[in-house]
Protein backbone atom coordinates (compact mmCIF):
# COMPACT_ATOMS: atom_id res chain seq x y z
CA MET A 1 -19.26 17.57 -15.77
CA LYS A 2 -18.04 20.77 -14.20
CA ARG A 3 -15.48 22.65 -16.29
CA ILE A 4 -12.43 24.45 -14.95
CA ALA A 5 -12.73 28.14 -15.73
CA PHE A 6 -9.68 29.46 -17.57
CA PHE A 7 -10.28 33.04 -16.57
CA ALA A 8 -10.18 32.73 -12.79
CA GLY A 9 -8.95 36.29 -12.53
CA MET A 10 -12.06 37.57 -14.31
CA THR A 11 -14.21 35.48 -11.98
CA LEU A 12 -12.61 37.02 -8.92
CA ALA A 13 -13.14 40.50 -10.31
CA VAL A 14 -16.92 40.19 -10.46
CA ILE A 15 -17.34 39.04 -6.85
CA THR A 16 -19.24 41.64 -4.89
CA ALA A 17 -21.59 41.59 -1.96
CA THR A 18 -24.81 41.17 -3.92
CA GLY A 19 -26.94 43.18 -1.57
CA GLN A 20 -26.93 42.97 2.19
CA ASN A 21 -29.72 40.99 3.82
CA SER A 22 -30.77 40.02 7.32
CA TYR A 23 -28.45 37.01 7.32
CA ILE A 24 -25.32 39.17 6.93
CA VAL A 25 -24.40 40.58 10.34
CA LYS A 26 -21.29 42.44 11.51
CA THR A 27 -19.69 43.33 14.82
CA LYS A 28 -19.43 47.01 15.73
CA GLY A 29 -16.44 48.75 14.18
CA ALA A 30 -16.38 46.99 10.81
CA LYS A 31 -15.42 49.54 8.13
CA LYS A 32 -17.01 50.10 4.74
CA THR A 33 -14.73 49.20 1.84
CA ILE A 34 -14.94 50.18 -1.79
CA THR A 35 -14.49 46.66 -3.15
CA ALA A 36 -15.52 43.65 -1.15
CA LYS A 37 -12.70 41.16 -0.82
CA THR A 38 -13.43 37.48 -0.92
CA GLY A 39 -12.23 35.97 2.33
CA THR A 40 -11.63 32.30 2.79
CA GLU A 41 -12.74 30.59 5.92
CA THR A 42 -10.11 28.12 6.97
CA LYS A 43 -11.69 24.82 7.81
CA GLU A 44 -10.34 24.00 11.24
CA ASP A 45 -10.64 20.61 12.78
CA SER A 46 -13.32 20.53 15.44
CA LYS A 47 -14.23 18.32 18.35
CA GLU A 48 -17.94 18.15 19.11
CA LYS A 49 -18.92 17.23 22.62
CA LYS A 50 -22.55 16.30 22.80
CA ALA A 51 -24.73 19.06 24.24
CA ARG A 52 -28.00 17.36 25.00
CA ASP A 53 -29.31 20.37 26.83
CA PHE A 54 -29.34 22.57 23.74
CA VAL A 55 -27.71 21.60 20.45
CA ASP A 56 -28.96 18.02 20.17
CA ASP A 57 -32.44 19.02 21.28
CA ASN A 58 -32.85 21.87 18.81
CA PHE A 59 -30.65 21.31 15.76
CA ARG A 60 -31.47 18.18 13.79
CA TYR A 61 -29.00 16.88 11.24
CA HIS A 62 -30.58 16.51 7.78
CA SER A 63 -28.82 14.21 5.35
CA MET A 64 -29.50 15.04 1.71
CA CYS A 65 -31.69 11.95 1.52
CA ASP A 66 -34.25 13.53 3.85
CA TRP A 67 -34.11 17.16 2.72
CA ASN A 68 -37.57 18.69 2.45
CA GLU A 69 -38.66 21.09 -0.25
CA GLY A 70 -38.46 24.65 1.04
CA MET A 71 -35.22 24.23 3.00
CA LYS A 72 -33.13 27.39 2.61
CA PHE A 73 -29.40 27.73 1.98
CA MET A 74 -27.07 30.64 1.20
CA VAL A 75 -24.34 30.55 -1.43
CA LEU A 76 -21.00 31.17 0.30
CA PRO A 77 -18.23 30.21 -2.12
CA GLU A 78 -14.68 29.56 -0.98
CA LYS A 79 -11.58 29.80 -3.17
CA TYR A 80 -11.99 26.42 -4.86
CA ASP A 81 -15.64 27.23 -5.63
CA LEU A 82 -14.55 30.26 -7.65
CA ILE A 83 -12.70 28.01 -10.09
CA VAL A 84 -15.06 25.03 -10.24
CA ASN A 85 -18.61 26.35 -10.57
CA THR A 86 -21.36 24.69 -8.55
CA PHE A 87 -24.63 25.62 -10.26
CA CYS A 88 -26.14 25.59 -13.70
CA ASN A 89 -29.00 27.74 -14.92
CA ALA A 90 -31.93 25.33 -15.37
CA ALA A 91 -33.28 27.22 -18.40
CA THR A 92 -30.03 27.32 -20.37
CA GLY A 93 -28.04 24.44 -18.89
CA LYS A 94 -25.03 26.74 -18.64
CA GLU A 95 -22.79 26.99 -15.62
CA VAL A 96 -23.09 30.11 -13.48
CA SER A 97 -20.19 31.75 -11.69
CA SER A 98 -20.25 31.02 -7.97
CA GLY A 99 -19.01 34.57 -7.44
CA ARG A 100 -22.14 36.01 -9.04
CA LEU A 101 -24.35 33.90 -6.80
CA ARG A 102 -22.56 34.86 -3.60
CA TYR A 103 -24.98 35.70 -0.75
CA LYS A 104 -27.99 34.57 -2.80
CA ILE A 105 -30.52 32.34 -1.06
CA MET A 106 -31.32 28.99 -2.68
CA ILE A 107 -34.54 27.14 -1.83
CA TYR A 108 -34.44 23.36 -2.24
CA LYS A 109 -36.99 22.03 -4.78
CA GLY A 110 -36.18 18.32 -4.78
CA HIS A 111 -34.08 16.29 -7.20
CA SER A 112 -34.52 15.23 -10.81
CA GLU A 113 -32.75 13.66 -13.75
CA GLY A 114 -31.47 15.58 -16.76
CA LEU A 115 -31.91 14.57 -20.41
CA ASP A 116 -28.47 13.01 -20.28
CA GLY A 117 -29.57 10.81 -17.35
CA ARG A 118 -27.42 12.59 -14.78
CA ALA A 119 -28.90 13.26 -11.33
CA ARG A 120 -29.61 16.86 -10.36
CA VAL A 121 -30.37 18.68 -7.12
CA ASP A 122 -32.88 21.45 -7.91
CA PHE A 123 -33.20 24.94 -6.42
CA ILE A 124 -35.08 28.17 -6.97
CA CYS A 125 -33.22 31.36 -6.11
CA GLN A 126 -35.20 33.50 -3.68
CA ASP A 127 -33.41 36.66 -4.86
CA ASP A 128 -33.97 36.49 -8.61
CA SER A 129 -36.60 33.68 -8.97
CA THR A 130 -34.25 31.80 -11.30
CA ALA A 131 -34.16 28.00 -11.27
CA TYR A 132 -30.72 26.43 -10.78
CA TYR A 133 -29.47 22.90 -10.36
CA TYR A 134 -26.40 21.14 -9.03
CA GLU A 135 -25.33 18.15 -11.09
CA VAL A 136 -24.35 15.15 -8.96
CA PRO A 137 -20.75 14.20 -9.88
CA ASN A 138 -21.49 10.51 -10.45
CA GLY A 139 -24.12 7.87 -9.77
CA SER A 140 -27.73 8.34 -8.79
CA PHE A 141 -29.10 10.82 -6.27
CA GLU A 142 -29.77 7.93 -3.87
CA ASP A 143 -26.13 6.84 -4.12
CA TYR A 144 -24.86 10.36 -3.51
CA CYS A 145 -27.23 11.62 -0.81
CA TYR A 146 -25.96 9.29 1.93
CA GLY A 147 -22.48 10.83 1.78
CA LYS A 148 -21.22 13.93 3.57
CA LEU A 149 -20.21 15.98 0.53
CA GLY A 150 -23.60 17.62 -0.02
CA VAL A 151 -23.92 20.61 -2.34
CA PRO A 152 -20.77 22.78 -2.40
CA THR A 153 -20.96 26.48 -1.36
CA LEU A 154 -24.31 26.14 0.45
CA ALA A 155 -24.62 27.12 4.13
CA TYR A 156 -27.80 25.77 5.77
CA LEU A 157 -29.95 28.69 6.92
CA GLY A 158 -32.30 26.51 8.96
CA ASP A 159 -29.68 26.42 11.72
CA VAL A 160 -29.41 30.21 11.62
CA ASP A 161 -33.18 30.67 11.91
CA ILE A 162 -33.44 28.28 14.88
CA ALA A 163 -30.48 29.93 16.61
CA ARG A 164 -32.16 33.32 16.24
CA THR A 165 -35.30 31.99 17.87
CA LYS A 166 -33.45 30.34 20.74
CA LEU A 167 -30.47 32.61 21.40
CA MET A 168 -31.20 36.28 20.61
CA GLY A 169 -30.66 38.35 23.76
CA VAL A 170 -29.60 35.29 25.75
CA LYS A 171 -26.67 35.48 28.16
CA LEU A 172 -23.79 33.05 27.56
CA TYR A 173 -20.36 32.30 28.98
CA THR A 174 -17.28 32.24 26.74
CA LYS A 175 -15.68 28.78 26.62
CA THR A 176 -12.51 29.54 24.67
CA THR A 177 -10.20 32.55 24.49
CA LEU A 178 -9.99 33.22 20.71
CA TYR A 179 -12.84 35.01 18.94
CA ARG A 180 -13.15 37.34 15.95
CA VAL A 181 -14.16 40.90 15.11
CA ASP A 182 -15.14 42.10 11.64
CA THR A 183 -12.84 44.55 9.91
CA GLN A 184 -14.94 45.07 6.77
CA MET A 185 -18.58 46.04 6.50
CA ASP A 186 -19.05 44.60 3.01
CA GLY A 187 -16.43 41.84 2.98
CA ASP A 188 -15.14 38.89 4.98
CA GLY A 189 -12.23 40.63 6.69
CA TYR A 190 -11.72 39.83 10.35
CA GLU A 191 -9.09 39.73 13.05
CA GLU A 192 -8.74 37.37 15.97
CA ILE A 193 -8.84 38.74 19.49
CA THR A 194 -8.24 37.23 22.91
CA VAL A 195 -11.17 37.16 25.33
CA PRO A 196 -11.18 35.97 28.94
CA LYS A 197 -12.60 32.50 29.47
CA ASN A 198 -15.91 32.24 31.39
CA GLU A 199 -16.76 35.87 30.55
CA GLU A 200 -20.48 36.66 30.66
CA VAL A 201 -21.71 37.97 27.29
CA THR A 202 -25.05 38.74 25.65
CA VAL A 203 -26.07 37.61 22.15
CA LYS A 204 -26.60 40.76 20.05
CA ALA A 205 -26.96 39.37 16.51
CA ILE A 206 -27.05 36.04 14.68
CA GLY A 207 -26.41 35.62 10.98
CA VAL A 208 -24.72 33.36 8.49
CA GLY A 209 -21.09 32.35 8.87
CA THR A 210 -19.53 29.84 6.49
CA ARG A 211 -20.65 26.62 4.85
CA SER A 212 -18.94 24.40 7.45
CA PHE A 213 -19.75 26.67 10.40
CA PRO A 214 -22.95 28.39 9.30
CA VAL A 215 -24.14 30.16 12.45
CA LYS A 216 -22.39 33.46 13.15
CA ILE A 217 -23.07 34.47 16.76
CA ILE A 218 -22.19 38.06 17.69
CA VAL A 219 -21.97 38.69 21.43
CA GLU A 220 -21.24 41.74 23.58
CA ASP A 221 -19.42 41.85 26.91
CA LYS A 222 -20.24 44.07 29.89
CA ASN A 223 -18.01 46.83 28.46
CA GLY A 224 -19.90 46.95 25.16
CA LYS A 225 -17.18 45.17 23.18
CA GLN A 226 -18.54 42.91 20.45
CA PHE A 227 -16.96 39.80 18.94
CA TYR A 228 -18.20 36.66 17.20
CA GLN A 229 -17.69 33.02 16.42
CA ASN A 230 -18.85 30.95 13.44
CA VAL A 231 -20.10 27.66 14.84
CA ALA A 232 -21.45 24.34 13.61
CA MET A 233 -24.84 23.29 14.93
CA SER A 234 -26.62 20.46 13.09
CA LYS A 235 -23.77 20.05 10.53
CA THR A 236 -26.36 19.80 7.74
CA ASN A 237 -24.55 20.11 4.37
CA SER A 238 -21.32 21.07 6.14
CA GLY A 239 -19.22 19.15 3.63
CA MET A 240 -17.14 17.75 6.50
CA ARG A 241 -16.83 14.18 7.67
CA ASP A 242 -17.81 13.21 11.21
CA ASP A 243 -14.18 12.61 12.18
CA GLU A 244 -13.39 16.22 11.22
CA PHE A 245 -15.62 17.30 14.11
CA ILE A 246 -13.83 15.21 16.72
CA MET A 247 -10.35 16.65 16.48
CA ASP A 248 -8.63 18.79 19.12
CA ASN A 249 -9.99 22.20 18.09
CA THR A 250 -13.47 22.71 19.52
CA LYS A 251 -13.90 26.43 19.16
CA PHE A 252 -15.99 26.23 15.96
CA THR A 253 -18.73 24.23 17.65
CA PHE A 254 -21.30 25.90 19.86
CA LYS A 255 -20.29 23.81 22.85
CA GLY A 256 -16.65 24.70 22.31
CA SER A 257 -17.31 28.45 22.14
CA PHE A 258 -20.25 29.19 24.40
CA GLU A 259 -22.19 27.91 27.37
CA LEU A 260 -25.78 28.77 28.18
CA ILE A 261 -26.13 30.50 31.52
CA ASP A 262 -29.84 29.86 32.06
CA ALA A 263 -29.57 26.16 31.27
CA ASN A 264 -26.55 25.33 33.39
CA VAL A 265 -26.11 27.82 36.23
CA ALA A 266 -27.68 27.12 39.58
CA ALA A 267 -29.49 30.30 40.58
CA THR A 268 -32.14 28.24 42.33
CA GLY A 269 -32.38 24.67 43.49
CA GLU A 270 -29.90 22.58 45.41
CA TYR A 271 -26.89 24.89 44.94
CA ALA A 272 -28.66 28.23 45.43
CA GLN A 273 -27.61 28.44 49.08
CA TYR A 274 -23.93 28.62 48.07
CA ILE A 275 -24.18 31.50 45.57
CA GLY A 276 -22.72 34.66 47.13
CA LYS A 277 -21.27 32.76 50.07
CA GLN A 278 -17.81 33.74 51.33
CA VAL A 279 -15.39 30.84 51.90
CA HIS A 280 -11.68 30.24 52.34
CA THR A 281 -9.51 27.31 51.25
CA ARG A 282 -8.42 24.81 53.88
CA TYR A 283 -5.63 23.50 51.66
CA ALA A 284 -3.47 24.71 48.80
CA THR A 285 -5.23 23.71 45.59
CA ASP A 286 -5.15 24.24 41.82
CA MET A 287 -7.73 26.43 40.09
CA GLU A 288 -8.11 27.69 36.54
CA ASN A 289 -7.84 31.41 35.81
CA THR A 290 -9.71 33.27 33.05
CA ASP A 291 -6.87 32.60 30.60
CA GLY A 292 -7.38 28.87 31.03
CA GLU A 293 -4.16 28.40 33.00
CA GLN A 294 -3.82 26.22 36.10
CA VAL A 295 -2.60 28.27 39.05
CA ARG A 296 -1.77 27.25 42.60
CA ILE A 297 -4.01 28.85 45.23
CA ALA A 298 -2.62 29.15 48.73
CA ARG A 299 -4.31 27.89 51.88
CA LEU A 300 -6.57 30.38 53.62
CA SER A 301 -7.30 32.29 50.41
CA SER A 302 -10.72 33.94 50.67
CA PHE A 303 -13.35 33.97 47.92
CA THR A 304 -16.96 34.73 47.13
CA ILE A 305 -18.79 31.96 45.23
CA VAL A 306 -20.08 33.63 42.05
CA ARG A 307 -21.80 30.76 40.24
CA ILE A 308 -22.13 26.99 40.12
CA GLN A 309 -22.57 25.12 36.86
CA PRO A 310 -23.59 21.45 37.09
CA GLN A 311 -21.61 19.13 34.80
CA SER A 312 -23.80 16.70 32.87
CA ASN A 313 -23.78 13.05 33.95
CA THR A 314 -21.28 13.61 36.79
CA ASN A 315 -21.33 14.45 40.50
CA TYR A 316 -19.14 17.46 39.78
CA VAL A 317 -19.95 21.13 39.33
CA LYS A 318 -17.83 23.92 37.90
CA MET A 319 -17.58 26.50 40.65
CA THR A 320 -16.56 30.07 39.82
CA LEU A 321 -14.99 31.98 42.71
CA LYS A 322 -13.95 35.62 42.99
CA SER A 323 -10.88 36.40 45.10
CA LEU A 324 -11.57 38.86 47.90
CA SER A 325 -7.98 40.10 47.78
CA SER A 326 -7.35 40.53 44.04
CA GLY A 327 -10.83 40.50 42.49
CA ASN A 328 -9.69 37.83 40.00
CA GLU A 329 -12.04 35.01 39.07
CA TYR A 330 -11.11 31.33 39.12
CA THR A 331 -12.94 28.08 38.39
CA LYS A 332 -12.61 24.66 39.97
CA GLN A 333 -14.30 21.29 39.54
CA VAL A 334 -15.89 20.53 42.91
CA THR A 335 -18.16 17.76 44.17
CA PHE A 336 -20.70 17.90 46.98
CA VAL A 337 -20.92 14.09 46.98
CA ASN A 338 -18.48 12.43 49.39
CA ASP A 339 -18.09 9.12 47.51
CA ASN A 340 -14.41 8.58 48.24
CA VAL A 341 -12.54 10.38 51.00
CA THR A 342 -9.76 7.89 51.59
CA GLY A 343 -6.18 8.45 50.62
CA ASP A 344 -4.13 11.55 50.11
CA ILE A 345 -5.62 15.02 50.25
CA ASP A 346 -4.53 15.57 46.65
CA GLY A 347 -6.96 12.87 45.52
CA TYR A 348 -10.74 12.76 45.77
CA LYS A 349 -10.67 14.48 49.13
CA GLU A 350 -9.40 17.78 47.71
CA ASP A 351 -12.36 18.07 45.32
CA TYR A 352 -14.97 17.54 48.04
CA TYR A 353 -16.48 20.91 48.95
CA ASN A 354 -16.58 20.38 52.72
CA TYR A 355 -12.93 19.30 52.84
CA LEU A 356 -11.69 22.04 50.57
CA PHE A 357 -13.53 25.07 51.97
CA ASN A 358 -14.39 26.56 55.32
CA ALA A 359 -17.19 29.07 55.65
CA GLY A 360 -16.28 32.74 56.05
CA THR A 361 -13.11 34.62 55.27
CA ALA A 362 -9.71 33.80 56.71
CA ASN A 363 -8.88 37.03 58.53
CA LEU A 364 -5.10 37.23 58.39
CA SER A 365 -4.81 41.01 58.21
CA LYS A 366 -3.64 41.44 61.82
CA ILE A 367 -1.02 38.69 61.60
CA PRO A 368 2.54 39.76 60.68
CA ALA A 369 3.43 39.00 57.06
CA GLU A 370 6.18 36.46 57.82
CA ARG A 371 3.97 34.53 60.22
CA ARG A 372 1.04 34.75 57.78
CA LYS A 373 3.16 33.05 55.09
CA LYS A 374 4.03 30.18 57.47
CA ILE A 375 0.37 29.77 58.42
CA GLN A 376 -0.62 29.52 54.75
CA MET A 377 2.05 26.82 54.34
CA GLY A 378 0.55 24.92 57.28
CA LYS A 379 3.57 25.43 59.54
CA VAL A 380 3.50 26.02 63.32
CA GLU A 381 6.36 27.61 65.25
CA LYS A 382 7.13 28.78 68.78
CA GLY A 383 5.23 31.89 69.79
CA PHE A 384 2.10 31.12 67.74
CA THR A 385 -1.24 31.77 69.46
CA LYS A 386 -3.97 29.17 69.60
CA GLN A 387 -5.92 31.02 66.89
CA GLU A 388 -2.86 31.02 64.63
CA VAL A 389 -2.39 27.28 65.19
CA ARG A 390 -6.06 26.73 64.29
CA LEU A 391 -5.52 28.65 61.07
CA ALA A 392 -2.37 26.67 60.25
CA LYS A 393 -3.45 23.16 61.29
CA GLY A 394 -7.18 23.22 62.02
CA GLU A 395 -8.86 21.87 65.14
CA PRO A 396 -6.92 19.19 67.05
CA TYR A 397 -8.01 15.55 67.20
CA ARG A 398 -7.89 15.78 71.01
CA THR A 399 -6.39 17.92 73.77
CA ALA A 400 -4.59 17.20 77.07
CA SER A 401 -4.26 19.63 79.99
CA ALA A 402 -1.77 19.66 82.88
CA SER A 403 -2.30 21.02 86.40
CA ASN A 404 0.20 23.82 85.79
CA GLY A 405 -2.03 25.30 83.05
CA ARG A 406 -0.06 23.87 80.10
CA THR A 407 -2.10 22.38 77.20
CA ASP A 408 -1.22 19.93 74.43
CA TRP A 409 -3.06 19.82 71.10
CA ILE A 410 -2.76 16.41 69.46
CA TYR A 411 -3.41 15.91 65.76
CA GLU A 412 -4.17 12.66 63.88
CA SER A 413 -0.96 13.07 61.91
CA GLY A 414 1.02 12.57 65.12
CA LEU A 415 1.80 16.25 65.55
CA ILE A 416 1.71 17.55 69.15
CA VAL A 417 1.60 21.31 69.76
CA LYS A 418 2.48 22.30 73.35
CA PHE A 419 1.09 25.58 74.73
CA SER A 420 2.26 27.49 77.78
CA LYS A 421 -0.26 28.63 80.34
CA GLU A 422 -0.24 32.01 78.52
CA GLY A 423 -1.58 30.26 75.41
CA LYS A 424 1.56 30.55 73.24
CA VAL A 425 3.30 27.64 71.49
CA MET A 426 6.32 26.53 73.49
CA ALA A 427 7.19 23.37 71.56
CA VAL A 428 6.15 21.36 68.50
CA GLU A 429 6.77 17.60 68.40
CA LYS A 430 6.14 14.94 65.79
CA HIS A 431 5.41 11.32 66.85
């Protein structure tokens, strides 16, 4: 049985960073402190969306029942672990302060049974070659290993090693807006910062995070600013139930924080022809800005298509567009498959690329501001030229000409635009 330590204050006092190693990584700007403070990672509810293209293919979940000898873990105690010790020294049978073992690497050596018949999970410490064990709270190892509790304090380093192999130097997109920067070089201090969504970043370092979210991914943006996220990968020994990974907060999963550029962005293939193309909107539509907010985009707004990211198991892509007027970037879910074009323009039709966009820019610079605003609202008034009517309403369904040089443009909606022989709108009728 684990005993409650009566001198918790003394335990806290002996916690220090027991030697930096390659698994401890920091963002630029973290400051050296005299005494390392023990930070506590708040376990936040997470929602894991399956990422077959990366996470599921590379990070296998290992239940305790199928742990293999040699698997590596790091001791990362949280507040509760500083009061209730996790490990015992195998030679003496005495409990060892979790604070003293902080940052030490434990190598799994199987399981055994003590003289008192209690099940043990055995480890050898890579740092000091000492044998330790974790005593299973109750029942046999086989009874315990199927659960999610695992061994307290231990962050699985196998996920960190795989992430280093797969992600170092790789370019990613940010998928949320809240990330962290380190404030202490030898402690757990950090502050949260706001980062634009869909920002291109490069992985600069990967180390250990927390027990629940063991992979710390440090990235750098185009301005050299570094920030990080601790993310769950395989969830091996996370200590969290499955339902704790399907809540609203997704930022502490890889899929919730980052997106692989190389795996998902169409630089070649069926969408390559659209990258770099200039287009303008035929209709007012909603797009998402870099802060994740839905904003209304006016008709005849001109953009350059920056990238196209296919969405798994759908006909939709996430298109990123850069405004030619403001330079701001926006994203929109768009389909190139015209499955359903019936009904209102705000339905399926609006999402269909060929209905939503026209090729080229909408050159409105020579049109007076007041008239330009009406054109973007789709309105036609007396005095408009034929080109201005095209911009406002598009090409007519059919035309009719009179012997005196007057022309009518007839639209499917029942709108009739009457032009004088000089080519200016003289009347607008609705039938």
